[in-house]
C-alpha cells in the first residue's frame, strides 16, 4: 500500500510533519500555482498559513485583510474566496462596528481539526 499525505492524516489531525509536507508540495513547482485544496485538513493548513499574516488583538479593515491574503496567497484562488474561507472556518471574525466592518484573528478554527500545539500560532 502506498502511503500518501492524505492516508497519513486521520480525522483532520494536523501535525508539524503533515503541515510541512503539504507546504513543500504546494511550493515545489514555482511555475504553476497549485489549486486550493479540497480536503478539509489541507484547507485548514492552507488557511492557517495565510492567517499567519495577521496579528492577534489587532483590528483590520477589509482592505488590510485582502492585502494580507494577496501577499501570502500561494494558490490559484482569488483573495475574496480565501477571505470567505477564513471567516467560515473561524480563522477571522468579522464584526460590524458603527457602520464599518472590521476583522480580527480568531481561534475558532481550532475546533475543525486536531492541531498539534507545536505548530506556530496554535494554542489549544
PDB file of N, CA and C in Angstrom:
ATOM      1  N   UNK A   1       0.841  -1.187   0.000  1.00  0.00           N
ATOM      2  CA  UNK A   1       0.000   0.000   0.000  1.00  0.00           C
ATOM      3  C   UNK A   1       0.881   1.244   0.000  1.00  0.00           C
ATOM      4  N   UNK A   2       0.609   2.144  -0.903  1.00  0.00           N
ATOM      5  CA  UNK A   2       1.368   3.391  -0.978  1.00  0.00           C
ATOM      6  C   UNK A   2       0.787   4.391   0.018  1.00  0.00           C
ATOM      7  N   UNK A   3       1.659   4.967   0.838  1.00  0.00           N
ATOM      8  CA  UNK A   3       1.224   5.967   1.801  1.00  0.00           C
ATOM      9  C   UNK A   3       1.325   7.343   1.180  1.00  0.00           C
ATOM     10  N   UNK A   4       0.268   8.088   1.281  1.00  0.00           N
ATOM     11  CA  UNK A   4       0.258   9.461   0.780  1.00  0.00           C
ATOM     12  C   UNK A   4      -0.001  10.397   1.949  1.00  0.00           C
ATOM     13  N   UNK A   5       0.113  11.665   1.696  1.00  0.00           N
ATOM     14  CA  UNK A   5      -0.194  12.650   2.735  1.00  0.00           C
ATOM     15  C   UNK A   5      -1.611  12.429   3.246  1.00  0.00           C
ATOM     16  N   UNK A   6      -2.544  12.169   2.347  1.00  0.00           N
ATOM     17  CA  UNK A   6      -3.940  12.019   2.752  1.00  0.00           C
ATOM     18  C   UNK A   6      -4.160  10.776   3.597  1.00  0.00           C
ATOM     19  N   UNK A   7      -3.491   9.663   3.285  1.00  0.00           N
ATOM     20  CA  UNK A   7      -3.707   8.450   4.053  1.00  0.00           C
ATOM     21  C   UNK A   7      -3.043   8.515   5.422  1.00  0.00           C
ATOM     22  N   UNK A   8      -2.038   9.371   5.574  1.00  0.00           N
ATOM     23  CA  UNK A   8      -1.386   9.520   6.867  1.00  0.00           C
ATOM     24  C   UNK A   8      -2.196  10.405   7.810  1.00  0.00           C
ATOM     25  N   UNK A   9      -3.076  11.194   7.281  1.00  0.00           N
ATOM     26  CA  UNK A   9      -3.838  12.126   8.097  1.00  0.00           C
ATOM     27  C   UNK A   9      -5.117  11.454   8.577  1.00  0.00           C
ATOM     28  N   UNK A  10      -5.368  11.510   9.878  1.00  0.00           N
ATOM     29  CA  UNK A  10      -6.509  10.840  10.466  1.00  0.00           C
ATOM     30  C   UNK A  10      -7.397  11.860  11.168  1.00  0.00           C
ATOM     31  N   UNK A  11      -8.651  11.950  10.762  1.00  0.00           N
ATOM     32  CA  UNK A  11      -9.638  12.832  11.382  1.00  0.00           C
ATOM     33  C   UNK A  11      -9.122  14.259  11.539  1.00  0.00           C
ATOM     34  N   UNK A  12      -8.629  14.807  10.471  1.00  0.00           N
ATOM     35  CA  UNK A  12      -8.138  16.185  10.457  1.00  0.00           C
ATOM     36  C   UNK A  12      -7.019  16.430  11.462  1.00  0.00           C
ATOM     37  N   UNK A  13      -6.217  15.406  11.704  1.00  0.00           N
ATOM     38  CA  UNK A  13      -5.050  15.572  12.572  1.00  0.00           C
ATOM     39  C   UNK A  13      -4.000  16.378  11.812  1.00  0.00           C
ATOM     40  N   UNK A  14      -3.535  17.436  12.433  1.00  0.00           N
ATOM     41  CA  UNK A  14      -2.587  18.326  11.769  1.00  0.00           C
ATOM     42  C   UNK A  14      -1.326  18.405  12.613  1.00  0.00           C
ATOM     43  N   UNK A  15      -0.327  17.660  12.171  1.00  0.00           N
ATOM     44  CA  UNK A  15       0.966  17.612  12.860  1.00  0.00           C
ATOM     45  C   UNK A  15       1.951  18.517  12.127  1.00  0.00           C
ATOM     46  N   UNK A  16       3.066  18.853  12.769  1.00  0.00           N
ATOM     47  CA  UNK A  16       4.081  19.650  12.073  1.00  0.00           C
ATOM     48  C   UNK A  16       4.579  18.986  10.788  1.00  0.00           C
ATOM     49  N   UNK A  17       4.764  17.661  10.799  1.00  0.00           N
ATOM     50  CA  UNK A  17       5.222  16.958   9.594  1.00  0.00           C
ATOM     51  C   UNK A  17       4.192  17.047   8.473  1.00  0.00           C
ATOM     52  N   UNK A  18       2.926  16.854   8.808  1.00  0.00           N
ATOM     53  CA  UNK A  18       1.853  16.950   7.821  1.00  0.00           C
ATOM     54  C   UNK A  18       1.832  18.348   7.208  1.00  0.00           C
ATOM     55  N   UNK A  19       1.912  19.352   8.061  1.00  0.00           N
ATOM     56  CA  UNK A  19       1.907  20.756   7.635  1.00  0.00           C
ATOM     57  C   UNK A  19       3.077  21.009   6.687  1.00  0.00           C
ATOM     58  N   UNK A  20       4.269  20.601   7.091  1.00  0.00           N
ATOM     59  CA  UNK A  20       5.470  20.840   6.281  1.00  0.00           C
ATOM     60  C   UNK A  20       5.407  20.099   4.952  1.00  0.00           C
ATOM     61  N   UNK A  21       4.924  18.857   4.965  1.00  0.00           N
ATOM     62  CA  UNK A  21       4.814  18.086   3.719  1.00  0.00           C
ATOM     63  C   UNK A  21       3.862  18.757   2.727  1.00  0.00           C
ATOM     64  N   UNK A  22       2.747  19.256   3.232  1.00  0.00           N
ATOM     65  CA  UNK A  22       1.813  19.961   2.350  1.00  0.00           C
ATOM     66  C   UNK A  22       2.446  21.226   1.790  1.00  0.00           C
ATOM     67  N   UNK A  23       3.058  22.009   2.657  1.00  0.00           N
ATOM     68  CA  UNK A  23       3.663  23.265   2.222  1.00  0.00           C
ATOM     69  C   UNK A  23       4.743  23.004   1.174  1.00  0.00           C
ATOM     70  N   UNK A  24       5.548  21.976   1.380  1.00  0.00           N
ATOM     71  CA  UNK A  24       6.585  21.615   0.409  1.00  0.00           C
ATOM     72  C   UNK A  24       5.953  21.228  -0.922  1.00  0.00           C
ATOM     73  N   UNK A  25       4.906  20.425  -0.870  1.00  0.00           N
ATOM     74  CA  UNK A  25       4.212  20.011  -2.098  1.00  0.00           C
ATOM     75  C   UNK A  25       3.658  21.218  -2.849  1.00  0.00           C
ATOM     76  N   UNK A  26       3.086  22.166  -2.124  1.00  0.00           N
ATOM     77  CA  UNK A  26       2.472  23.333  -2.759  1.00  0.00           C
ATOM     78  C   UNK A  26       3.493  24.302  -3.336  1.00  0.00           C
ATOM     79  N   UNK A  27       4.691  24.314  -2.803  1.00  0.00           N
ATOM     80  CA  UNK A  27       5.678  25.315  -3.229  1.00  0.00           C
ATOM     81  C   UNK A  27       6.809  24.739  -4.068  1.00  0.00           C
ATOM     82  N   UNK A  28       6.775  23.456  -4.379  1.00  0.00           N
ATOM     83  CA  UNK A  28       7.853  22.827  -5.140  1.00  0.00           C
ATOM     84  C   UNK A  28       7.897  23.310  -6.581  1.00  0.00           C
ATOM     85  N   UNK A  29       6.763  23.366  -7.244  1.00  0.00           N
ATOM     86  CA  UNK A  29       6.713  23.791  -8.646  1.00  0.00           C
ATOM     87  C   UNK A  29       6.361  25.271  -8.699  1.00  0.00           C
ATOM     88  N   UNK A  30       7.357  26.106  -8.897  1.00  0.00           N
ATOM     89  CA  UNK A  30       7.147  27.554  -8.895  1.00  0.00           C
ATOM     90  C   UNK A  30       6.524  28.067 -10.196  1.00  0.00           C
ATOM     91  N   UNK A  31       6.415  27.222 -11.218  1.00  0.00           N
ATOM     92  CA  UNK A  31       5.869  27.656 -12.500  1.00  0.00           C
ATOM     93  C   UNK A  31       4.347  27.678 -12.525  1.00  0.00           C
ATOM     94  N   UNK A  32       3.723  26.890 -11.651  1.00  0.00           N
ATOM     95  CA  UNK A  32       2.272  26.776 -11.647  1.00  0.00           C
ATOM     96  C   UNK A  32       1.766  26.916 -10.211  1.00  0.00           C
ATOM     97  N   UNK A  33       0.803  27.798 -10.011  1.00  0.00           N
ATOM     98  CA  UNK A  33       0.193  27.906  -8.689  1.00  0.00           C
ATOM     99  C   UNK A  33      -0.691  26.688  -8.452  1.00  0.00           C
ATOM    100  N   UNK A  34      -0.605  26.075  -7.281  1.00  0.00           N
ATOM    101  CA  UNK A  34      -1.454  24.910  -7.013  1.00  0.00           C
ATOM    102  C   UNK A  34      -2.908  25.328  -6.812  1.00  0.00           C
ATOM    103  N   UNK A  35      -3.802  24.392  -7.088  1.00  0.00           N
ATOM    104  CA  UNK A  35      -5.215  24.617  -6.792  1.00  0.00           C
ATOM    105  C   UNK A  35      -5.393  24.667  -5.281  1.00  0.00           C
ATOM    106  N   UNK A  36      -6.404  25.386  -4.837  1.00  0.00           N
ATOM    107  CA  UNK A  36      -6.725  25.390  -3.413  1.00  0.00           C
ATOM    108  C   UNK A  36      -7.210  23.989  -3.062  1.00  0.00           C
ATOM    109  N   UNK A  37      -6.766  23.437  -1.932  1.00  0.00           N
ATOM    110  CA  UNK A  37      -7.102  22.046  -1.606  1.00  0.00           C
ATOM    111  C   UNK A  37      -8.601  21.805  -1.425  1.00  0.00           C
ATOM    112  N   UNK A  38      -9.002  20.554  -1.668  1.00  0.00           N
ATOM    113  CA  UNK A  38     -10.389  20.135  -1.470  1.00  0.00           C
ATOM    114  C   UNK A  38     -10.604  19.458  -0.124  1.00  0.00           C
ATOM    115  N   UNK A  39      -9.583  18.764   0.369  1.00  0.00           N
ATOM    116  CA  UNK A  39      -9.711  18.070   1.649  1.00  0.00           C
ATOM    117  C   UNK A  39      -9.699  19.069   2.798  1.00  0.00           C
ATOM    118  N   UNK A  40     -10.574  18.850   3.763  1.00  0.00           N
ATOM    119  CA  UNK A  40     -10.713  19.793   4.870  1.00  0.00           C
ATOM    120  C   UNK A  40      -9.400  20.001   5.616  1.00  0.00           C
ATOM    121  N   UNK A  41      -8.676  18.940   5.923  1.00  0.00           N
ATOM    122  CA  UNK A  41      -7.427  19.093   6.675  1.00  0.00           C
ATOM    123  C   UNK A  41      -6.406  19.908   5.884  1.00  0.00           C
ATOM    124  N   UNK A  42      -6.378  19.734   4.577  1.00  0.00           N
ATOM    125  CA  UNK A  42      -5.460  20.513   3.746  1.00  0.00           C
ATOM    126  C   UNK A  42      -5.919  21.969   3.646  1.00  0.00           C
ATOM    127  N   UNK A  43      -7.225  22.178   3.582  1.00  0.00           N
ATOM    128  CA  UNK A  43      -7.747  23.547   3.579  1.00  0.00           C
ATOM    129  C   UNK A  43      -7.359  24.267   4.867  1.00  0.00           C
ATOM    130  N   UNK A  44      -7.449  23.560   5.992  1.00  0.00           N
ATOM    131  CA  UNK A  44      -7.099  24.159   7.280  1.00  0.00           C
ATOM    132  C   UNK A  44      -5.639  24.594   7.309  1.00  0.00           C
ATOM    133  N   UNK A  45      -4.755  23.755   6.786  1.00  0.00           N
ATOM    134  CA  UNK A  45      -3.330  24.109   6.745  1.00  0.00           C
ATOM    135  C   UNK A  45      -3.120  25.322   5.846  1.00  0.00           C
ATOM    136  N   UNK A  46      -3.733  25.315   4.678  1.00  0.00           N
ATOM    137  CA  UNK A  46      -3.582  26.437   3.741  1.00  0.00           C
ATOM    138  C   UNK A  46      -4.079  27.738   4.366  1.00  0.00           C
ATOM    139  N   UNK A  47      -5.227  27.683   5.012  1.00  0.00           N
ATOM    140  CA  UNK A  47      -5.793  28.880   5.631  1.00  0.00           C
ATOM    141  C   UNK A  47      -4.962  29.334   6.825  1.00  0.00           C
ATOM    142  N   UNK A  48      -4.443  28.385   7.577  1.00  0.00           N
ATOM    143  CA  UNK A  48      -3.587  28.743   8.716  1.00  0.00           C
ATOM    144  C   UNK A  48      -2.348  29.481   8.236  1.00  0.00           C
ATOM    145  N   UNK A  49      -1.730  28.981   7.167  1.00  0.00           N
ATOM    146  CA  UNK A  49      -0.549  29.649   6.619  1.00  0.00           C
ATOM    147  C   UNK A  49      -0.883  31.094   6.238  1.00  0.00           C
ATOM    148  N   UNK A  50      -2.002  31.297   5.582  1.00  0.00           N
ATOM    149  CA  UNK A  50      -2.396  32.645   5.165  1.00  0.00           C
ATOM    150  C   UNK A  50      -2.736  33.508   6.382  1.00  0.00           C
ATOM    151  N   UNK A  51      -3.411  32.926   7.356  1.00  0.00           N
ATOM    152  CA  UNK A  51      -3.811  33.656   8.549  1.00  0.00           C
ATOM    153  C   UNK A  51      -2.609  34.167   9.342  1.00  0.00           C
ATOM    154  N   UNK A  52      -1.468  33.524   9.208  1.00  0.00           N
ATOM    155  CA  UNK A  52      -0.278  33.934   9.959  1.00  0.00           C
ATOM    156  C   UNK A  52       0.203  35.331   9.550  1.00  0.00           C
ATOM    157  N   UNK A  53      -0.380  35.910   8.518  1.00  0.00           N
ATOM    158  CA  UNK A  53      -0.050  37.284   8.119  1.00  0.00           C
ATOM    159  C   UNK A  53      -0.658  38.304   9.081  1.00  0.00           C
ATOM    160  N   UNK A  54      -1.554  37.850   9.944  1.00  0.00           N
ATOM    161  CA  UNK A  54      -2.298  38.770  10.803  1.00  0.00           C
ATOM    162  C   UNK A  54      -1.959  38.545  12.278  1.00  0.00           C
ATOM    163  N   UNK A  55      -1.980  39.623  13.039  1.00  0.00           N
ATOM    164  CA  UNK A  55      -1.656  39.571  14.461  1.00  0.00           C
ATOM    165  C   UNK A  55      -2.937  39.519  15.289  1.00  0.00           C
ATOM    166  N   UNK A  56      -2.852  38.824  16.419  1.00  0.00           N
ATOM    167  CA  UNK A  56      -3.978  38.780  17.341  1.00  0.00           C
ATOM    168  C   UNK A  56      -4.186  40.153  17.966  1.00  0.00           C
ATOM    169  N   UNK A  57      -5.415  40.415  18.358  1.00  0.00           N
ATOM    170  CA  UNK A  57      -5.799  41.642  19.061  1.00  0.00           C
ATOM    171  C   UNK A  57      -5.582  42.917  18.244  1.00  0.00           C
ATOM    172  N   UNK A  58      -5.554  42.782  16.933  1.00  0.00           N
ATOM    173  CA  UNK A  58      -5.458  43.938  16.040  1.00  0.00           C
ATOM    174  C   UNK A  58      -6.730  43.970  15.207  1.00  0.00           C
ATOM    175  N   UNK A  59      -7.308  45.145  15.048  1.00  0.00           N
ATOM    176  CA  UNK A  59      -8.473  45.296  14.182  1.00  0.00           C
ATOM    177  C   UNK A  59      -8.001  45.617  12.771  1.00  0.00           C
ATOM    178  N   UNK A  60      -8.572  44.902  11.799  1.00  0.00           N
ATOM    179  CA  UNK A  60      -8.199  45.085  10.398  1.00  0.00           C
ATOM    180  C   UNK A  60      -9.414  45.511   9.586  1.00  0.00           C
ATOM    181  N   UNK A  61      -9.182  46.381   8.629  1.00  0.00           N
ATOM    182  CA  UNK A  61     -10.226  46.701   7.658  1.00  0.00           C
ATOM    183  C   UNK A  61     -10.268  45.577   6.625  1.00  0.00           C
ATOM    184  N   UNK A  62     -11.328  45.561   5.842  1.00  0.00           N
ATOM    185  CA  UNK A  62     -11.419  44.551   4.786  1.00  0.00           C
ATOM    186  C   UNK A  62     -10.258  44.699   3.801  1.00  0.00           C
ATOM    187  N   UNK A  63      -9.877  45.914   3.498  1.00  0.00           N
ATOM    188  CA  UNK A  63      -8.761  46.150   2.570  1.00  0.00           C
ATOM    189  C   UNK A  63      -7.454  45.602   3.140  1.00  0.00           C
ATOM    190  N   UNK A  64      -7.213  45.796   4.434  1.00  0.00           N
ATOM    191  CA  UNK A  64      -5.996  45.264   5.055  1.00  0.00           C
ATOM    192  C   UNK A  64      -5.992  43.735   5.031  1.00  0.00           C
ATOM    193  N   UNK A  65      -7.149  43.134   5.257  1.00  0.00           N
ATOM    194  CA  UNK A  65      -7.263  41.672   5.178  1.00  0.00           C
ATOM    195  C   UNK A  65      -6.955  41.217   3.760  1.00  0.00           C
ATOM    196  N   UNK A  66      -7.566  41.862   2.781  1.00  0.00           N
ATOM    197  CA  UNK A  66      -7.332  41.487   1.383  1.00  0.00           C
ATOM    198  C   UNK A  66      -5.854  41.622   1.016  1.00  0.00           C
ATOM    199  N   UNK A  67      -5.212  42.705   1.447  1.00  0.00           N
ATOM    200  CA  UNK A  67      -3.783  42.895   1.154  1.00  0.00           C
ATOM    201  C   UNK A  67      -2.936  41.792   1.779  1.00  0.00           C
ATOM    202  N   UNK A  68      -3.240  41.415   3.017  1.00  0.00           N
ATOM    203  CA  UNK A  68      -2.502  40.337   3.679  1.00  0.00           C
ATOM    204  C   UNK A  68      -2.684  39.004   2.982  1.00  0.00           C
ATOM    205  N   UNK A  69      -3.909  38.740   2.545  1.00  0.00           N
ATOM    206  CA  UNK A  69      -4.184  37.494   1.820  1.00  0.00           C
ATOM    207  C   UNK A  69      -3.434  37.481   0.494  1.00  0.00           C
ATOM    208  N   UNK A  70      -3.509  38.573  -0.242  1.00  0.00           N
ATOM    209  CA  UNK A  70      -2.825  38.653  -1.537  1.00  0.00           C
ATOM    210  C   UNK A  70      -1.328  38.420  -1.358  1.00  0.00           C
ATOM    211  N   UNK A  71      -0.761  38.968  -0.307  1.00  0.00           N
ATOM    212  CA  UNK A  71       0.672  38.834  -0.046  1.00  0.00           C
ATOM    213  C   UNK A  71       1.085  37.393   0.239  1.00  0.00           C
ATOM    214  N   UNK A  72       0.225  36.610   0.895  1.00  0.00           N
ATOM    215  CA  UNK A  72       0.581  35.242   1.295  1.00  0.00           C
ATOM    216  C   UNK A  72      -0.063  34.155   0.443  1.00  0.00           C
ATOM    217  N   UNK A  73      -0.900  34.526  -0.502  1.00  0.00           N
ATOM    218  CA  UNK A  73      -1.619  33.531  -1.294  1.00  0.00           C
ATOM    219  C   UNK A  73      -0.678  32.817  -2.261  1.00  0.00           C
ATOM    220  N   UNK A  74      -0.559  31.509  -2.091  1.00  0.00           N
ATOM    221  CA  UNK A  74       0.275  30.692  -2.984  1.00  0.00           C
ATOM    222  C   UNK A  74      -0.593  29.817  -3.894  1.00  0.00           C
ATOM    223  N   UNK A  75      -1.903  30.062  -3.910  1.00  0.00           N
ATOM    224  CA  UNK A  75      -2.842  29.212  -4.633  1.00  0.00           C
ATOM    225  C   UNK A  75      -3.493  29.949  -5.802  1.00  0.00           C
ATOM    226  N   UNK A  76      -4.061  29.161  -6.699  1.00  0.00           N
ATOM    227  CA  UNK A  76      -4.767  29.726  -7.856  1.00  0.00           C
ATOM    228  C   UNK A  76      -6.235  29.964  -7.496  1.00  0.00           C
ATOM    229  N   UNK A  77      -6.450  30.729  -6.461  1.00  0.00           N
ATOM    230  CA  UNK A  77      -7.783  31.098  -5.994  1.00  0.00           C
ATOM    231  C   UNK A  77      -7.701  32.571  -5.602  1.00  0.00           C
ATOM    232  N   UNK A  78      -8.769  33.306  -5.805  1.00  0.00           N
ATOM    233  CA  UNK A  78      -8.681  34.741  -5.520  1.00  0.00           C
ATOM    234  C   UNK A  78      -8.822  35.034  -4.022  1.00  0.00           C
ATOM    235  N   UNK A  79      -8.387  36.210  -3.649  1.00  0.00           N
ATOM    236  CA  UNK A  79      -8.342  36.596  -2.237  1.00  0.00           C
ATOM    237  C   UNK A  79      -9.728  36.697  -1.606  1.00  0.00           C
ATOM    238  N   UNK A  80     -10.740  36.990  -2.385  1.00  0.00           N
ATOM    239  CA  UNK A  80     -12.088  37.105  -1.828  1.00  0.00           C
ATOM    240  C   UNK A  80     -12.588  35.742  -1.360  1.00  0.00           C
ATOM    241  N   UNK A  81     -12.358  34.710  -2.167  1.00  0.00           N
ATOM    242  CA  UNK A  81     -12.757  33.362  -1.758  1.00  0.00           C
ATOM    243  C   UNK A  81     -11.996  32.934  -0.505  1.00  0.00           C
ATOM    244  N   UNK A  82     -10.717  33.269  -0.444  1.00  0.00           N
ATOM    245  CA  UNK A  82      -9.930  32.916   0.738  1.00  0.00           C
ATOM    246  C   UNK A  82     -10.455  33.665   1.962  1.00  0.00           C
ATOM    247  N   UNK A  83     -10.791  34.946   1.812  1.00  0.00           N
ATOM    248  CA  UNK A  83     -11.347  35.709   2.942  1.00  0.00           C
ATOM    249  C   UNK A  83     -12.618  35.040   3.459  1.00  0.00           C
ATOM    250  N   UNK A  84     -13.477  34.602   2.547  1.00  0.00           N
ATOM    251  CA  UNK A  84     -14.709  33.915   2.944  1.00  0.00           C
ATOM    252  C   UNK A  84     -14.372  32.638   3.713  1.00  0.00           C
ATOM    253  N   UNK A  85     -13.413  31.849   3.218  1.00  0.00           N
ATOM    254  CA  UNK A  85     -12.990  30.633   3.920  1.00  0.00           C
ATOM    255  C   UNK A  85     -12.424  30.960   5.303  1.00  0.00           C
ATOM    256  N   UNK A  86     -11.614  32.008   5.401  1.00  0.00           N
ATOM    257  CA  UNK A  86     -11.022  32.385   6.690  1.00  0.00           C
ATOM    258  C   UNK A  86     -12.105  32.705   7.718  1.00  0.00           C
ATOM    259  N   UNK A  87     -13.151  33.378   7.294  1.00  0.00           N
ATOM    260  CA  UNK A  87     -14.256  33.699   8.202  1.00  0.00           C
ATOM    261  C   UNK A  87     -15.084  32.445   8.489  1.00  0.00           C
ATOM    262  N   UNK A  88     -15.407  31.674   7.454  1.00  0.00           N
ATOM    263  CA  UNK A  88     -16.237  30.479   7.607  1.00  0.00           C
ATOM    264  C   UNK A  88     -15.611  29.463   8.558  1.00  0.00           C
ATOM    265  N   UNK A  89     -14.307  29.240   8.436  1.00  0.00           N
ATOM    266  CA  UNK A  89     -13.628  28.254   9.273  1.00  0.00           C
ATOM    267  C   UNK A  89     -13.177  28.819  10.621  1.00  0.00           C
ATOM    268  N   UNK A  90     -13.405  30.105  10.874  1.00  0.00           N
ATOM    269  CA  UNK A  90     -13.100  30.671  12.180  1.00  0.00           C
ATOM    270  C   UNK A  90     -11.678  31.152  12.379  1.00  0.00           C
ATOM    271  N   UNK A  91     -10.949  31.398  11.304  1.00  0.00           N
ATOM    272  CA  UNK A  91      -9.610  31.982  11.423  1.00  0.00           C
ATOM    273  C   UNK A  91      -9.704  33.488  11.654  1.00  0.00           C
ATOM    274  N   UNK A  92     -10.735  34.091  11.086  1.00  0.00           N
ATOM    275  CA  UNK A  92     -11.000  35.516  11.259  1.00  0.00           C
ATOM    276  C   UNK A  92     -12.443  35.683  11.700  1.00  0.00           C
ATOM    277  N   UNK A  93     -12.671  36.694  12.506  1.00  0.00           N
ATOM    278  CA  UNK A  93     -14.028  37.045  12.893  1.00  0.00           C
ATOM    279  C   UNK A  93     -14.355  38.406  12.299  1.00  0.00           C
ATOM    280  N   UNK A  94     -15.528  38.487  11.716  1.00  0.00           N
ATOM    281  CA  UNK A  94     -15.988  39.724  11.070  1.00  0.00           C
ATOM    282  C   UNK A  94     -16.974  40.410  12.016  1.00  0.00           C
ATOM    283  N   UNK A  95     -16.713  41.683  12.300  1.00  0.00           N
ATOM    284  CA  UNK A  95     -17.540  42.431  13.239  1.00  0.00           C
ATOM    285  C   UNK A  95     -18.018  43.709  12.563  1.00  0.00           C
ATOM    286  N   UNK A  96     -19.287  44.015  12.756  1.00  0.00           N
ATOM    287  CA  UNK A  96     -19.834  45.268  12.245  1.00  0.00           C
ATOM    288  C   UNK A  96     -19.755  46.284  13.376  1.00  0.00           C
ATOM    289  N   UNK A  97     -18.990  47.339  13.160  1.00  0.00           N
ATOM    290  CA  UNK A  97     -18.708  48.320  14.196  1.00  0.00           C
ATOM    291  C   UNK A  97     -19.008  49.718  13.665  1.00  0.00           C
ATOM    292  N   UNK A  98     -20.119  50.294  14.104  1.00  0.00           N
ATOM    293  CA  UNK A  98     -20.500  51.652  13.723  1.00  0.00           C
ATOM    294  C   UNK A  98     -20.373  51.900  12.215  1.00  0.00           C
ATOM    295  N   UNK A  99     -21.166  51.171  11.460  1.00  0.00           N
ATOM    296  CA  UNK A  99     -21.262  51.340  10.006  1.00  0.00           C
ATOM    297  C   UNK A  99     -20.045  50.862   9.220  1.00  0.00           C
ATOM    298  N   UNK A 100     -19.107  50.200   9.851  1.00  0.00           N
ATOM    299  CA  UNK A 100     -17.979  49.641   9.096  1.00  0.00           C
ATOM    300  C   UNK A 100     -17.722  48.215   9.563  1.00  0.00           C
ATOM    301  N   UNK A 101     -17.092  47.459   8.691  1.00  0.00           N
ATOM    302  CA  UNK A 101     -16.736  46.084   9.013  1.00  0.00           C
ATOM    303  C   UNK A 101     -15.288  46.049   9.463  1.00  0.00           C
ATOM    304  N   UNK A 102     -15.041  45.344  10.537  1.00  0.00           N
ATOM    305  CA  UNK A 102     -13.664  45.107  10.959  1.00  0.00           C
ATOM    306  C   UNK A 102     -13.479  43.606  11.144  1.00  0.00           C
ATOM    307  N   UNK A 103     -12.249  43.193  11.069  1.00  0.00           N
ATOM    308  CA  UNK A 103     -11.898  41.788  11.232  1.00  0.00           C
ATOM    309  C   UNK A 103     -10.830  41.678  12.309  1.00  0.00           C
ATOM    310  N   UNK A 104     -10.845  40.548  13.008  1.00  0.00           N
ATOM    311  CA  UNK A 104      -9.725  40.242  13.883  1.00  0.00           C
ATOM    312  C   UNK A 104      -9.506  38.735  13.906  1.00  0.00           C
ATOM    313  N   UNK A 105      -8.293  38.359  14.284  1.00  0.00           N
ATOM    314  CA  UNK A 105      -7.903  36.949  14.321  1.00  0.00           C
ATOM    315  C   UNK A 105      -8.730  36.233  15.382  1.00  0.00           C
ATOM    316  N   UNK A 106      -9.167  35.040  15.059  1.00  0.00           N
ATOM    317  CA  UNK A 106      -9.957  34.218  15.965  1.00  0.00           C
ATOM    318  C   UNK A 106      -9.320  32.836  16.060  1.00  0.00           C
ATOM    319  N   UNK A 107      -9.542  32.157  17.169  1.00  0.00           N
ATOM    320  CA  UNK A 107      -9.040  30.784  17.290  1.00  0.00           C
ATOM    321  C   UNK A 107     -10.165  29.758  17.172  1.00  0.00           C
ATOM    322  N   UNK A 108     -11.308  30.156  16.663  1.00  0.00           N
ATOM    323  CA  UNK A 108     -12.433  29.233  16.495  1.00  0.00           C
ATOM    324  C   UNK A 108     -12.115  28.123  15.495  1.00  0.00           C
ATOM    325  N   UNK A 109     -11.105  28.347  14.657  1.00  0.00           N
ATOM    326  CA  UNK A 109     -10.711  27.332  13.674  1.00  0.00           C
ATOM    327  C   UNK A 109     -10.197  26.066  14.344  1.00  0.00           C
ATOM    328  N   UNK A 110      -9.746  26.166  15.592  1.00  0.00           N
ATOM    329  CA  UNK A 110      -9.163  25.013  16.283  1.00  0.00           C
ATOM    330  C   UNK A 110     -10.142  23.847  16.383  1.00  0.00           C
ATOM    331  N   UNK A 111     -11.437  24.129  16.442  1.00  0.00           N
ATOM    332  CA  UNK A 111     -12.437  23.061  16.576  1.00  0.00           C
ATOM    333  C   UNK A 111     -12.584  22.227  15.305  1.00  0.00           C
ATOM    334  N   UNK A 112     -12.058  22.708  14.187  1.00  0.00           N
ATOM    335  CA  UNK A 112     -12.205  21.998  12.911  1.00  0.00           C
ATOM    336  C   UNK A 112     -11.117  20.959  12.669  1.00  0.00           C
ATOM    337  N   UNK A 113     -10.109  20.919  13.511  1.00  0.00           N
ATOM    338  CA  UNK A 113      -9.026  19.963  13.305  1.00  0.00           C
ATOM    339  C   UNK A 113      -8.355  19.615  14.615  1.00  0.00           C
ATOM    340  N   UNK A 114      -7.596  18.544  14.586  1.00  0.00           N
ATOM    341  CA  UNK A 114      -6.817  18.115  15.740  1.00  0.00           C
ATOM    342  C   UNK A 114      -5.413  18.685  15.564  1.00  0.00           C
ATOM    343  N   UNK A 115      -5.212  19.917  16.016  1.00  0.00           N
ATOM    344  CA  UNK A 115      -3.981  20.668  15.794  1.00  0.00           C
ATOM    345  C   UNK A 115      -2.922  20.301  16.822  1.00  0.00           C
ATOM    346  N   UNK A 116      -1.711  20.077  16.363  1.00  0.00           N
ATOM    347  CA  UNK A 116      -0.580  19.872  17.259  1.00  0.00           C
ATOM    348  C   UNK A 116      -0.147  21.239  17.779  1.00  0.00           C
ATOM    349  N   UNK A 117      -0.020  21.365  19.084  1.00  0.00           N
ATOM    350  CA  UNK A 117       0.264  22.675  19.686  1.00  0.00           C
ATOM    351  C   UNK A 117       1.675  23.181  19.403  1.00  0.00           C
ATOM    352  N   UNK A 118       2.537  22.357  18.809  1.00  0.00           N
ATOM    353  CA  UNK A 118       3.883  22.833  18.471  1.00  0.00           C
ATOM    354  C   UNK A 118       3.914  23.613  17.150  1.00  0.00           C
ATOM    355  N   UNK A 119       2.788  23.655  16.441  1.00  0.00           N
ATOM    356  CA  UNK A 119       2.696  24.450  15.215  1.00  0.00           C
ATOM    357  C   UNK A 119       2.580  25.919  15.621  1.00  0.00           C
ATOM    358  N   UNK A 120       3.392  26.795  15.046  1.00  0.00           N
ATOM    359  CA  UNK A 120       3.309  28.224  15.396  1.00  0.00           C
ATOM    360  C   UNK A 120       1.895  28.777  15.213  1.00  0.00           C
ATOM    361  N   UNK A 121       1.462  29.568  16.181  1.00  0.00           N
ATOM    362  CA  UNK A 121       0.140  30.170  16.110  1.00  0.00           C
ATOM    363  C   UNK A 121      -0.970  29.303  16.658  1.00  0.00           C
ATOM    364  N   UNK A 122      -0.622  28.126  17.178  1.00  0.00           N
ATOM    365  CA  UNK A 122      -1.627  27.220  17.735  1.00  0.00           C
ATOM    366  C   UNK A 122      -1.470  27.189  19.246  1.00  0.00           C
ATOM    367  N   UNK A 123      -2.531  27.510  19.928  1.00  0.00           N
ATOM    368  CA  UNK A 123      -2.545  27.358  21.387  1.00  0.00           C
ATOM    369  C   UNK A 123      -3.870  26.722  21.757  1.00  0.00           C
ATOM    370  N   UNK A 124      -3.825  25.439  22.041  1.00  0.00           N
ATOM    371  CA  UNK A 124      -5.054  24.676  22.332  1.00  0.00           C
ATOM    372  C   UNK A 124      -5.593  24.977  23.699  1.00  0.00           C
TER     373      UNK A 124
END
